[in-house]
Amino acid sequence: MLWFRNLIFYRFEPPAGLTQEHLEQALAEHPFTPCGSQELSRSGWSQPINEAEEMLVFSSNGFLLINLMQEERILPASVVREQLDAKVALIEAEQSRKVYRKEKLQLKDEVVLDLLPRSFTRRRRTEAILMPQQGWILVNASSHKRAEDLLNQLREALGSLVVKLPQTRVSADKVMTSWLQGESMPQGWALEDECELRDPMTEGSKISAKGQDLLCDEISAHLEAGMLVKRLALEWQQQIRFVLHEDLSLHRVRLSDEYREQLDAETPEDVLAARDTELARMGLEYARLLPEVLEAFGGEPQE
């Protein structure tokens, strides 16, 4: 099933005339091609749906799915170091002299260039959904660096891209802490069994809890001592479960078993039609969920 497992979401202003065709043409100017023999990495746009090999943009219900493919060569530092040490030892033995730092750096570059064509490569996909009507870009990533990499390359392809991380009136850690102290949660929200607490006054002080009642006396004692909730496992509308971090990113997003079974039963048998349905469903679910996430923390401040 097509579903983002992690989510970093941004507000964005759609460029004038942004359509599937316009986006397809822009991405086609920067297609993915494999690394050259002397390249450490390369990235570009590739098909987001394996069943639609010719399409760089897969669209359904106004949601535009894209995929950034990144390839990098695997060149372990230990291998480079071993080869360099052997080369330095040979020079010192044959020429009866000491090889110093500046020359070692030059030799290291030679070693890397020699090893690159023989190294293995690794590919990584980063998918995103553009939602022009709702003003969102959703990136399937667990780190902001990876999400920003995609946005930077999308900006290069389009010529301009105005995005920003959403802000809320109240910090997420304070609200999530209040939930574990017994304050009411938004309607349709429920606690799961995992959280992480941190002491804002002591760097590195962290407590992780998993598989237990989050309203227990032990966790309450830590909160009374001044610790704050930095991530919290939640369930929304008995349909979607996720771990919400204080920066509003969603991790380990998954459907409840009952909801997944319901969607599977309604999914068309034709593969391409199934992907179309899955993208529409995912976009619609996130279009419902994200405003509620922001509203749970006081909503977005007025500019």
C-alpha atoms as a PDB file:
ATOM      1  CA  MET A   1       0.000   0.000   0.000  1.00  0.00           C
ATOM      2  CA  LEU A   2       1.182   3.491  -0.870  1.00  0.00           C
ATOM      3  CA  TRP A   3       1.659   5.257   2.468  1.00  0.00           C
ATOM      4  CA  PHE A   4       4.277   7.639   3.928  1.00  0.00           C
ATOM      5  CA  ARG A   5       5.907   6.069   6.986  1.00  0.00           C
ATOM      6  CA  ASN A   6       7.452   9.325   8.195  1.00  0.00           C
ATOM      7  CA  LEU A   7       6.278  12.838   7.548  1.00  0.00           C
ATOM      8  CA  ILE A   8       7.782  16.316   7.592  1.00  0.00           C
ATOM      9  CA  PHE A   9       5.281  18.829   6.263  1.00  0.00           C
ATOM     10  CA  TYR A  10       5.626  22.384   5.001  1.00  0.00           C
ATOM     11  CA  ARG A  11       3.389  25.262   4.091  1.00  0.00           C
ATOM     12  CA  PHE A  12       4.028  26.391   0.530  1.00  0.00           C
ATOM     13  CA  GLU A  13       2.782  28.883  -1.988  1.00  0.00           C
ATOM     14  CA  PRO A  14       2.153  27.094  -5.308  1.00  0.00           C
ATOM     15  CA  PRO A  15       3.949  28.809  -8.204  1.00  0.00           C
ATOM     16  CA  ALA A  16       1.598  30.362 -10.733  1.00  0.00           C
ATOM     17  CA  GLY A  17       0.404  27.801 -13.243  1.00  0.00           C
ATOM     18  CA  LEU A  18       1.594  24.773 -11.290  1.00  0.00           C
ATOM     19  CA  THR A  19       0.000  21.727 -12.924  1.00  0.00           C
ATOM     20  CA  GLN A  20       0.982  18.107 -13.345  1.00  0.00           C
ATOM     21  CA  GLU A  21       2.210  18.864 -16.861  1.00  0.00           C
ATOM     22  CA  HIS A  22       4.252  21.884 -15.752  1.00  0.00           C
ATOM     23  CA  LEU A  23       5.811  19.949 -12.880  1.00  0.00           C
ATOM     24  CA  GLU A  24       6.533  16.976 -15.153  1.00  0.00           C
ATOM     25  CA  GLN A  25       8.372  19.202 -17.627  1.00  0.00           C
ATOM     26  CA  ALA A  26      10.387  20.879 -14.869  1.00  0.00           C
ATOM     27  CA  LEU A  27      11.495  17.590 -13.320  1.00  0.00           C
ATOM     28  CA  ALA A  28      12.332  16.128 -16.740  1.00  0.00           C
ATOM     29  CA  GLU A  29      15.095  18.734 -16.993  1.00  0.00           C
ATOM     30  CA  HIS A  30      16.789  17.117 -13.983  1.00  0.00           C
ATOM     31  CA  PRO A  31      16.341  13.346 -14.392  1.00  0.00           C
ATOM     32  CA  PHE A  32      18.143  10.809 -12.280  1.00  0.00           C
ATOM     33  CA  THR A  33      21.190   9.169 -13.855  1.00  0.00           C
ATOM     34  CA  PRO A  34      23.567   6.755 -12.099  1.00  0.00           C
ATOM     35  CA  CYS A  35      26.887   7.881 -10.641  1.00  0.00           C
ATOM     36  CA  GLY A  36      29.812   8.183 -12.997  1.00  0.00           C
ATOM     37  CA  SER A  37      32.929   6.145 -12.280  1.00  0.00           C
ATOM     38  CA  GLN A  38      34.593   9.070 -10.496  1.00  0.00           C
ATOM     39  CA  GLU A  39      31.522  10.487  -8.712  1.00  0.00           C
ATOM     40  CA  LEU A  40      30.756   9.979  -5.038  1.00  0.00           C
ATOM     41  CA  SER A  41      27.034  10.729  -5.392  1.00  0.00           C
ATOM     42  CA  ARG A  42      24.340  11.871  -7.772  1.00  0.00           C
ATOM     43  CA  SER A  43      20.635  12.640  -7.504  1.00  0.00           C
ATOM     44  CA  GLY A  44      17.721  13.441  -9.765  1.00  0.00           C
ATOM     45  CA  TRP A  45      14.025  12.837 -10.324  1.00  0.00           C
ATOM     46  CA  SER A  46      12.665   9.403 -11.161  1.00  0.00           C
ATOM     47  CA  GLN A  47       9.256   7.776 -11.412  1.00  0.00           C
ATOM     48  CA  PRO A  48       7.395   7.745  -8.066  1.00  0.00           C
ATOM     49  CA  ILE A  49       5.312   4.706  -9.071  1.00  0.00           C
ATOM     50  CA  ASN A  50       7.093   1.634 -10.410  1.00  0.00           C
ATOM     51  CA  GLU A  51       4.040   0.712 -12.478  1.00  0.00           C
ATOM     52  CA  ALA A  52       4.205   4.054 -14.321  1.00  0.00           C
ATOM     53  CA  GLU A  53       7.786   4.095 -15.585  1.00  0.00           C
ATOM     54  CA  GLU A  54       7.389   7.042 -17.947  1.00  0.00           C
ATOM     55  CA  MET A  55       5.811   9.394 -15.406  1.00  0.00           C
ATOM     56  CA  LEU A  56       7.869  11.667 -13.142  1.00  0.00           C
ATOM     57  CA  VAL A  57       4.672  12.961 -11.530  1.00  0.00           C
ATOM     58  CA  PHE A  58       1.831  10.698 -10.459  1.00  0.00           C
ATOM     59  CA  SER A  59      -1.392  12.600  -9.838  1.00  0.00           C
ATOM     60  CA  SER A  60      -4.660  11.734  -8.168  1.00  0.00           C
ATOM     61  CA  ASN A  61      -7.415  13.999  -6.850  1.00  0.00           C
ATOM     62  CA  GLY A  62      -5.137  17.041  -7.182  1.00  0.00           C
ATOM     63  CA  PHE A  63      -2.288  15.450  -5.188  1.00  0.00           C
ATOM     64  CA  LEU A  64       1.064  15.341  -7.026  1.00  0.00           C
ATOM     65  CA  LEU A  65       3.454  12.547  -6.035  1.00  0.00           C
ATOM     66  CA  ILE A  66       7.154  12.917  -6.923  1.00  0.00           C
ATOM     67  CA  ASN A  67      10.310  10.997  -6.085  1.00  0.00           C
ATOM     68  CA  LEU A  68      13.916  12.117  -5.686  1.00  0.00           C
ATOM     69  CA  MET A  69      16.385   9.291  -6.327  1.00  0.00           C
ATOM     70  CA  GLN A  70      19.821   9.574  -4.745  1.00  0.00           C
ATOM     71  CA  GLU A  71      22.743   7.279  -5.432  1.00  0.00           C
ATOM     72  CA  GLU A  72      26.012   7.270  -3.524  1.00  0.00           C
ATOM     73  CA  ARG A  73      29.124   5.177  -3.687  1.00  0.00           C
ATOM     74  CA  ILE A  74      29.953   3.107  -0.626  1.00  0.00           C
ATOM     75  CA  LEU A  75      33.586   3.743   0.185  1.00  0.00           C
ATOM     76  CA  PRO A  76      34.283   2.803   3.831  1.00  0.00           C
ATOM     77  CA  ALA A  77      36.822   5.003   5.588  1.00  0.00           C
ATOM     78  CA  SER A  78      38.584   1.903   6.890  1.00  0.00           C
ATOM     79  CA  VAL A  79      39.239   0.678   3.337  1.00  0.00           C
ATOM     80  CA  VAL A  80      40.605   4.069   2.284  1.00  0.00           C
ATOM     81  CA  ARG A  81      42.801   4.167   5.387  1.00  0.00           C
ATOM     82  CA  GLU A  82      44.209   0.684   4.771  1.00  0.00           C
ATOM     83  CA  GLN A  83      45.045   1.470   1.159  1.00  0.00           C
ATOM     84  CA  LEU A  84      46.597   4.802   2.142  1.00  0.00           C
ATOM     85  CA  ASP A  85      48.707   3.261   4.903  1.00  0.00           C
ATOM     86  CA  ALA A  86      50.005   0.642   2.492  1.00  0.00           C
ATOM     87  CA  LYS A  87      50.889   3.289  -0.102  1.00  0.00           C
ATOM     88  CA  VAL A  88      52.662   5.473   2.473  1.00  0.00           C
ATOM     89  CA  ALA A  89      54.619   2.492   3.848  1.00  0.00           C
ATOM     90  CA  LEU A  90      55.744   1.544   0.333  1.00  0.00           C
ATOM     91  CA  ILE A  91      56.972   5.076  -0.456  1.00  0.00           C
ATOM     92  CA  GLU A  92      58.823   5.369   2.850  1.00  0.00           C
ATOM     93  CA  ALA A  93      60.482   1.975   2.363  1.00  0.00           C
ATOM     94  CA  GLU A  94      61.464   2.487  -1.285  1.00  0.00           C
ATOM     95  CA  GLN A  95      62.567   6.115  -0.989  1.00  0.00           C
ATOM     96  CA  SER A  96      63.892   6.037   2.603  1.00  0.00           C
ATOM     97  CA  ARG A  97      62.040   9.187   3.632  1.00  0.00           C
ATOM     98  CA  LYS A  98      59.121  10.303   5.767  1.00  0.00           C
ATOM     99  CA  VAL A  99      55.762  11.044   4.139  1.00  0.00           C
ATOM    100  CA  TYR A 100      54.224  14.100   5.832  1.00  0.00           C
ATOM    101  CA  ARG A 101      50.644  15.319   6.161  1.00  0.00           C
ATOM    102  CA  LYS A 102      50.392  17.425   2.973  1.00  0.00           C
ATOM    103  CA  GLU A 103      51.630  14.569   0.801  1.00  0.00           C
ATOM    104  CA  LYS A 104      49.371  12.113   2.649  1.00  0.00           C
ATOM    105  CA  LEU A 105      46.340  14.214   1.715  1.00  0.00           C
ATOM    106  CA  GLN A 106      47.370  14.112  -1.943  1.00  0.00           C
ATOM    107  CA  LEU A 107      47.907  10.358  -1.734  1.00  0.00           C
ATOM    108  CA  LYS A 108      44.495   9.943  -0.109  1.00  0.00           C
ATOM    109  CA  ASP A 109      42.847  11.697  -3.072  1.00  0.00           C
ATOM    110  CA  GLU A 110      44.657   9.286  -5.420  1.00  0.00           C
ATOM    111  CA  VAL A 111      43.489   6.297  -3.370  1.00  0.00           C
ATOM    112  CA  VAL A 112      39.864   7.496  -3.458  1.00  0.00           C
ATOM    113  CA  LEU A 113      39.971   8.041  -7.228  1.00  0.00           C
ATOM    114  CA  ASP A 114      41.421   4.562  -7.670  1.00  0.00           C
ATOM    115  CA  LEU A 115      38.800   2.884  -5.476  1.00  0.00           C
ATOM    116  CA  LEU A 116      35.707   4.728  -6.727  1.00  0.00           C
ATOM    117  CA  PRO A 117      35.168   2.799  -9.988  1.00  0.00           C
ATOM    118  CA  ARG A 118      35.315  -0.481  -8.050  1.00  0.00           C
ATOM    119  CA  SER A 119      33.013   0.533  -5.204  1.00  0.00           C
ATOM    120  CA  PHE A 120      29.403  -0.531  -4.717  1.00  0.00           C
ATOM    121  CA  THR A 121      26.569   1.979  -4.943  1.00  0.00           C
ATOM    122  CA  ARG A 122      23.478   2.481  -2.816  1.00  0.00           C
ATOM    123  CA  ARG A 123      20.225   4.128  -3.896  1.00  0.00           C
ATOM    124  CA  ARG A 124      17.679   5.909  -1.744  1.00  0.00           C
ATOM    125  CA  ARG A 125      14.213   7.209  -2.585  1.00  0.00           C
ATOM    126  CA  THR A 126      12.657  10.298  -1.023  1.00  0.00           C
ATOM    127  CA  GLU A 127       9.032  10.831  -1.959  1.00  0.00           C
ATOM    128  CA  ALA A 128       6.909  13.928  -1.558  1.00  0.00           C
ATOM    129  CA  ILE A 129       3.333  14.981  -2.212  1.00  0.00           C
ATOM    130  CA  LEU A 130       2.545  18.480  -3.432  1.00  0.00           C
ATOM    131  CA  MET A 131      -0.944  19.562  -2.410  1.00  0.00           C
ATOM    132  CA  PRO A 132      -1.465  22.892  -4.233  1.00  0.00           C
ATOM    133  CA  GLN A 133      -5.122  23.274  -3.234  1.00  0.00           C
ATOM    134  CA  GLN A 134      -4.370  22.820   0.459  1.00  0.00           C
ATOM    135  CA  GLY A 135      -0.991  24.602   0.400  1.00  0.00           C
ATOM    136  CA  TRP A 136       1.071  21.704   1.736  1.00  0.00           C
ATOM    137  CA  ILE A 137       4.173  19.800   0.733  1.00  0.00           C
ATOM    138  CA  LEU A 138       4.573  16.471   2.547  1.00  0.00           C
ATOM    139  CA  VAL A 139       7.957  14.733   2.508  1.00  0.00           C
ATOM    140  CA  ASN A 140       8.370  11.069   3.380  1.00  0.00           C
ATOM    141  CA  ALA A 141      11.476  11.556   5.528  1.00  0.00           C
ATOM    142  CA  SER A 142      12.487  11.222   9.162  1.00  0.00           C
ATOM    143  CA  SER A 143      15.225  13.880   9.059  1.00  0.00           C
ATOM    144  CA  HIS A 144      14.939  17.542   8.147  1.00  0.00           C
ATOM    145  CA  LYS A 145      18.187  17.365   6.177  1.00  0.00           C
ATOM    146  CA  ARG A 146      16.765  14.752   3.848  1.00  0.00           C
ATOM    147  CA  ALA A 147      13.552  16.739   3.422  1.00  0.00           C
ATOM    148  CA  GLU A 148      15.494  19.941   2.735  1.00  0.00           C
ATOM    149  CA  ASP A 149      17.587  18.128   0.114  1.00  0.00           C
ATOM    150  CA  LEU A 150      14.407  17.308  -1.788  1.00  0.00           C
ATOM    151  CA  LEU A 151      13.038  20.838  -1.440  1.00  0.00           C
ATOM    152  CA  ASN A 152      16.298  22.386  -2.646  1.00  0.00           C
ATOM    153  CA  GLN A 153      16.301  20.245  -5.775  1.00  0.00           C
ATOM    154  CA  LEU A 154      12.609  20.922  -6.358  1.00  0.00           C
ATOM    155  CA  ARG A 155      13.348  24.643  -6.045  1.00  0.00           C
ATOM    156  CA  GLU A 156      16.125  24.290  -8.610  1.00  0.00           C
ATOM    157  CA  ALA A 157      13.790  22.494 -11.012  1.00  0.00           C
ATOM    158  CA  LEU A 158      10.927  24.987 -10.643  1.00  0.00           C
ATOM    159  CA  GLY A 159      13.071  28.108 -10.454  1.00  0.00           C
ATOM    160  CA  SER A 160      11.488  29.204  -7.172  1.00  0.00           C
ATOM    161  CA  LEU A 161       9.726  27.567  -4.254  1.00  0.00           C
ATOM    162  CA  VAL A 162       8.426  29.355  -1.167  1.00  0.00           C
ATOM    163  CA  VAL A 163       8.083  26.955   1.769  1.00  0.00           C
ATOM    164  CA  LYS A 164       8.161  27.176   5.538  1.00  0.00           C
ATOM    165  CA  LEU A 165       7.756  24.838   8.468  1.00  0.00           C
ATOM    166  CA  PRO A 166       4.444  25.465  10.225  1.00  0.00           C
ATOM    167  CA  GLN A 167       4.497  27.196  13.596  1.00  0.00           C
ATOM    168  CA  THR A 168       1.971  26.909  16.415  1.00  0.00           C
ATOM    169  CA  ARG A 169       0.866  29.304  19.129  1.00  0.00           C
ATOM    170  CA  VAL A 170       1.870  26.887  21.913  1.00  0.00           C
ATOM    171  CA  SER A 171       4.980  24.707  21.870  1.00  0.00           C
ATOM    172  CA  ALA A 172       4.240  21.045  21.255  1.00  0.00           C
ATOM    173  CA  ASP A 173       6.311  19.790  24.193  1.00  0.00           C
ATOM    174  CA  LYS A 174       4.282  21.818  26.699  1.00  0.00           C
ATOM    175  CA  VAL A 175       0.954  20.614  25.320  1.00  0.00           C
ATOM    176  CA  MET A 176       2.049  16.967  25.128  1.00  0.00           C
ATOM    177  CA  THR A 177       3.312  17.245  28.715  1.00  0.00           C
ATOM    178  CA  SER A 178      -0.084  18.557  29.814  1.00  0.00           C
ATOM    179  CA  TRP A 179      -1.778  15.562  28.207  1.00  0.00           C
ATOM    180  CA  LEU A 180       0.271  13.197  30.350  1.00  0.00           C
ATOM    181  CA  GLN A 181      -0.638  15.297  33.388  1.00  0.00           C
ATOM    182  CA  GLY A 182      -4.313  14.605  32.840  1.00  0.00           C
ATOM    183  CA  GLU A 183      -5.501  17.517  30.714  1.00  0.00           C
ATOM    184  CA  SER A 184      -8.086  16.633  28.085  1.00  0.00           C
ATOM    185  CA  MET A 185      -6.947  15.785  24.583  1.00  0.00           C
ATOM    186  CA  PRO A 186      -8.642  16.886  21.339  1.00  0.00           C
ATOM    187  CA  GLN A 187     -11.653  14.836  20.348  1.00  0.00           C
ATOM    188  CA  GLY A 188     -10.684  11.678  18.496  1.00  0.00           C
ATOM    189  CA  TRP A 189      -7.121  11.629  19.866  1.00  0.00           C
ATOM    190  CA  ALA A 190      -5.793   8.967  22.242  1.00  0.00           C
ATOM    191  CA  LEU A 191      -2.523   8.098  23.937  1.00  0.00           C
ATOM    192  CA  GLU A 192      -0.579   5.042  22.880  1.00  0.00           C
ATOM    193  CA  ASP A 193       2.184   3.469  24.989  1.00  0.00           C
ATOM    194  CA  GLU A 194       5.397   5.317  24.141  1.00  0.00           C
ATOM    195  CA  CYS A 195       7.026   8.634  25.000  1.00  0.00           C
ATOM    196  CA  GLU A 196      10.349  10.363  25.528  1.00  0.00           C
ATOM    197  CA  LEU A 197      10.963  12.827  28.346  1.00  0.00           C
ATOM    198  CA  ARG A 198      13.809  15.339  28.554  1.00  0.00           C
ATOM    199  CA  ASP A 199      14.970  17.718  31.250  1.00  0.00           C
ATOM    200  CA  PRO A 200      15.239  21.205  29.677  1.00  0.00           C
ATOM    201  CA  MET A 201      17.724  22.239  32.357  1.00  0.00           C
ATOM    202  CA  THR A 202      20.106  19.285  32.008  1.00  0.00           C
ATOM    203  CA  GLU A 203      21.624  18.487  28.636  1.00  0.00           C
ATOM    204  CA  GLY A 204      21.497  14.793  27.802  1.00  0.00           C
ATOM    205  CA  SER A 205      19.004  13.934  30.526  1.00  0.00           C
ATOM    206  CA  LYS A 206      16.471  11.684  28.801  1.00  0.00           C
ATOM    207  CA  ILE A 207      13.970   8.998  29.761  1.00  0.00           C
ATOM    208  CA  SER A 208      12.272   6.751  27.204  1.00  0.00           C
ATOM    209  CA  ALA A 209       9.180   4.715  27.997  1.00  0.00           C
ATOM    210  CA  LYS A 210       7.671   2.068  25.762  1.00  0.00           C
ATOM    211  CA  GLY A 211       4.935  -0.479  26.250  1.00  0.00           C
ATOM    212  CA  GLN A 212       3.519   1.008  29.429  1.00  0.00           C
ATOM    213  CA  ASP A 213       0.724   3.196  30.775  1.00  0.00           C
ATOM    214  CA  LEU A 214       1.850   6.773  30.170  1.00  0.00           C
ATOM    215  CA  LEU A 215      -0.384   8.079  32.969  1.00  0.00           C
ATOM    216  CA  CYS A 216       1.369   5.998  35.630  1.00  0.00           C
ATOM    217  CA  ASP A 217       2.828   7.465  38.828  1.00  0.00           C
ATOM    218  CA  GLU A 218       6.431   7.003  37.698  1.00  0.00           C
ATOM    219  CA  ILE A 219       6.036   9.178  34.603  1.00  0.00           C
ATOM    220  CA  SER A 220       3.951  11.694  36.556  1.00  0.00           C
ATOM    221  CA  ALA A 221       6.816  12.053  39.048  1.00  0.00           C
ATOM    222  CA  HIS A 222       9.276  12.861  36.260  1.00  0.00           C
ATOM    223  CA  LEU A 223       6.911  15.481  34.857  1.00  0.00           C
ATOM    224  CA  GLU A 224       6.425  17.047  38.282  1.00  0.00           C
ATOM    225  CA  ALA A 225      10.225  17.280  38.517  1.00  0.00           C
ATOM    226  CA  GLY A 226      10.215  19.496  35.420  1.00  0.00           C
ATOM    227  CA  MET A 227      10.774  17.087  32.552  1.00  0.00           C
ATOM    228  CA  LEU A 228       8.948  17.726  29.267  1.00  0.00           C
ATOM    229  CA  VAL A 229       7.508  15.344  26.673  1.00  0.00           C
ATOM    230  CA  LYS A 230       9.552  15.572  23.487  1.00  0.00           C
ATOM    231  CA  ARG A 231       7.876  12.786  21.552  1.00  0.00           C
ATOM    232  CA  LEU A 232       4.641  10.942  22.112  1.00  0.00           C
ATOM    233  CA  ALA A 233       2.880   7.985  20.491  1.00  0.00           C
ATOM    234  CA  LEU A 234      -0.700   8.846  19.559  1.00  0.00           C
ATOM    235  CA  GLU A 235      -3.747   7.453  17.799  1.00  0.00           C
ATOM    236  CA  TRP A 236      -6.034   9.635  15.693  1.00  0.00           C
ATOM    237  CA  GLN A 237      -9.672   8.795  14.970  1.00  0.00           C
ATOM    238  CA  GLN A 238      -8.937   5.094  15.636  1.00  0.00           C
ATOM    239  CA  GLN A 239      -7.442   5.033  12.161  1.00  0.00           C
ATOM    240  CA  ILE A 240      -3.867   6.352  12.171  1.00  0.00           C
ATOM    241  CA  ARG A 241      -1.100   5.807  14.720  1.00  0.00           C
ATOM    242  CA  PHE A 242       2.137   7.773  14.839  1.00  0.00           C
ATOM    243  CA  VAL A 243       4.869   9.152  17.084  1.00  0.00           C
ATOM    244  CA  LEU A 244       4.673  12.940  17.187  1.00  0.00           C
ATOM    245  CA  HIS A 245       7.930  14.825  17.843  1.00  0.00           C
ATOM    246  CA  GLU A 246       8.158  18.288  19.356  1.00  0.00           C
ATOM    247  CA  ASP A 247       9.101  19.743  15.948  1.00  0.00           C
ATOM    248  CA  LEU A 248       5.708  18.490  14.637  1.00  0.00           C
ATOM    249  CA  SER A 249       7.262  15.778  12.470  1.00  0.00           C
ATOM    250  CA  LEU A 250       5.402  12.461  12.414  1.00  0.00           C
ATOM    251  CA  HIS A 251       7.315   9.194  12.669  1.00  0.00           C
ATOM    252  CA  ARG A 252       6.368   5.546  12.242  1.00  0.00           C
ATOM    253  CA  VAL A 253       2.981   6.489  10.792  1.00  0.00           C
ATOM    254  CA  ARG A 254       0.780   3.454  10.264  1.00  0.00           C
ATOM    255  CA  LEU A 255      -2.844   2.570   9.785  1.00  0.00           C
ATOM    256  CA  SER A 256      -4.770   0.663  12.417  1.00  0.00           C
ATOM    257  CA  ASP A 257      -5.329  -2.972  11.512  1.00  0.00           C
ATOM    258  CA  GLU A 258      -9.085  -2.496  11.170  1.00  0.00           C
ATOM    259  CA  TYR A 259      -8.751   0.550   8.941  1.00  0.00           C
ATOM    260  CA  ARG A 260      -6.121  -1.114   6.760  1.00  0.00           C
ATOM    261  CA  GLU A 261      -8.351  -4.131   6.255  1.00  0.00           C
ATOM    262  CA  GLN A 262     -11.216  -1.834   5.273  1.00  0.00           C
ATOM    263  CA  LEU A 263      -9.067   0.011   2.718  1.00  0.00           C
ATOM    264  CA  ASP A 264      -7.604  -3.196   1.323  1.00  0.00           C
ATOM    265  CA  ALA A 265     -11.109  -4.513   0.701  1.00  0.00           C
ATOM    266  CA  GLU A 266     -11.991  -1.349  -1.240  1.00  0.00           C
ATOM    267  CA  THR A 267      -8.800  -1.206  -3.325  1.00  0.00           C
ATOM    268  CA  PRO A 268      -9.191  -2.001  -7.056  1.00  0.00           C
ATOM    269  CA  GLU A 269      -7.458  -5.119  -8.401  1.00  0.00           C
ATOM    270  CA  ASP A 270      -5.807  -3.262 -11.285  1.00  0.00           C
ATOM    271  CA  VAL A 271      -2.371  -2.182  -9.999  1.00  0.00           C
ATOM    272  CA  LEU A 272      -2.303   1.304 -11.516  1.00  0.00           C
ATOM    273  CA  ALA A 273      -5.884   1.986 -10.432  1.00  0.00           C
ATOM    274  CA  ALA A 274      -4.939   0.793  -6.952  1.00  0.00           C
ATOM    275  CA  ARG A 275      -2.040   3.266  -6.773  1.00  0.00           C
ATOM    276  CA  ASP A 276      -4.362   6.044  -7.928  1.00  0.00           C
ATOM    277  CA  THR A 277      -6.824   5.187  -5.171  1.00  0.00           C
ATOM    278  CA  GLU A 278      -4.095   4.873  -2.534  1.00  0.00           C
ATOM    279  CA  LEU A 279      -2.595   8.271  -3.368  1.00  0.00           C
ATOM    280  CA  ALA A 280      -6.013   9.926  -3.202  1.00  0.00           C
ATOM    281  CA  ARG A 281      -6.745   8.296   0.143  1.00  0.00           C
ATOM    282  CA  MET A 282      -3.383   9.210   1.627  1.00  0.00           C
ATOM    283  CA  GLY A 283      -3.658  12.805   0.480  1.00  0.00           C
ATOM    284  CA  LEU A 284      -7.170  13.149   1.857  1.00  0.00           C
ATOM    285  CA  GLU A 285      -6.255  11.585   5.199  1.00  0.00           C
ATOM    286  CA  TYR A 286      -3.279  13.883   5.678  1.00  0.00           C
ATOM    287  CA  ALA A 287      -5.366  16.858   4.543  1.00  0.00           C
ATOM    288  CA  ARG A 288      -7.675  16.029   7.463  1.00  0.00           C
ATOM    289  CA  LEU A 289      -4.989  15.143   9.997  1.00  0.00           C
ATOM    290  CA  LEU A 290      -2.470  17.986   9.625  1.00  0.00           C
ATOM    291  CA  PRO A 291      -4.858  20.865  10.439  1.00  0.00           C
ATOM    292  CA  GLU A 292      -5.887  18.959  13.565  1.00  0.00           C
ATOM    293  CA  VAL A 293      -2.233  18.515  14.540  1.00  0.00           C
ATOM    294  CA  LEU A 294      -1.719  22.280  14.327  1.00  0.00           C
ATOM    295  CA  GLU A 295      -5.001  23.040  16.088  1.00  0.00           C
ATOM    296  CA  ALA A 296      -4.024  20.735  18.970  1.00  0.00           C
ATOM    297  CA  PHE A 297      -1.206  23.170  19.762  1.00  0.00           C
ATOM    298  CA  GLY A 298      -3.186  26.372  19.494  1.00  0.00           C
ATOM    299  CA  GLY A 299      -3.255  26.708  15.724  1.00  0.00           C
ATOM    300  CA  GLU A 300      -0.966  28.751  13.517  1.00  0.00           C
ATOM    301  CA  PRO A 301      -0.197  32.324  14.637  1.00  0.00           C
ATOM    302  CA  GLN A 302      -1.727  35.082  12.554  1.00  0.00           C
ATOM    303  CA  GLU A 303       0.811  36.982  10.485  1.00  0.00           C
END
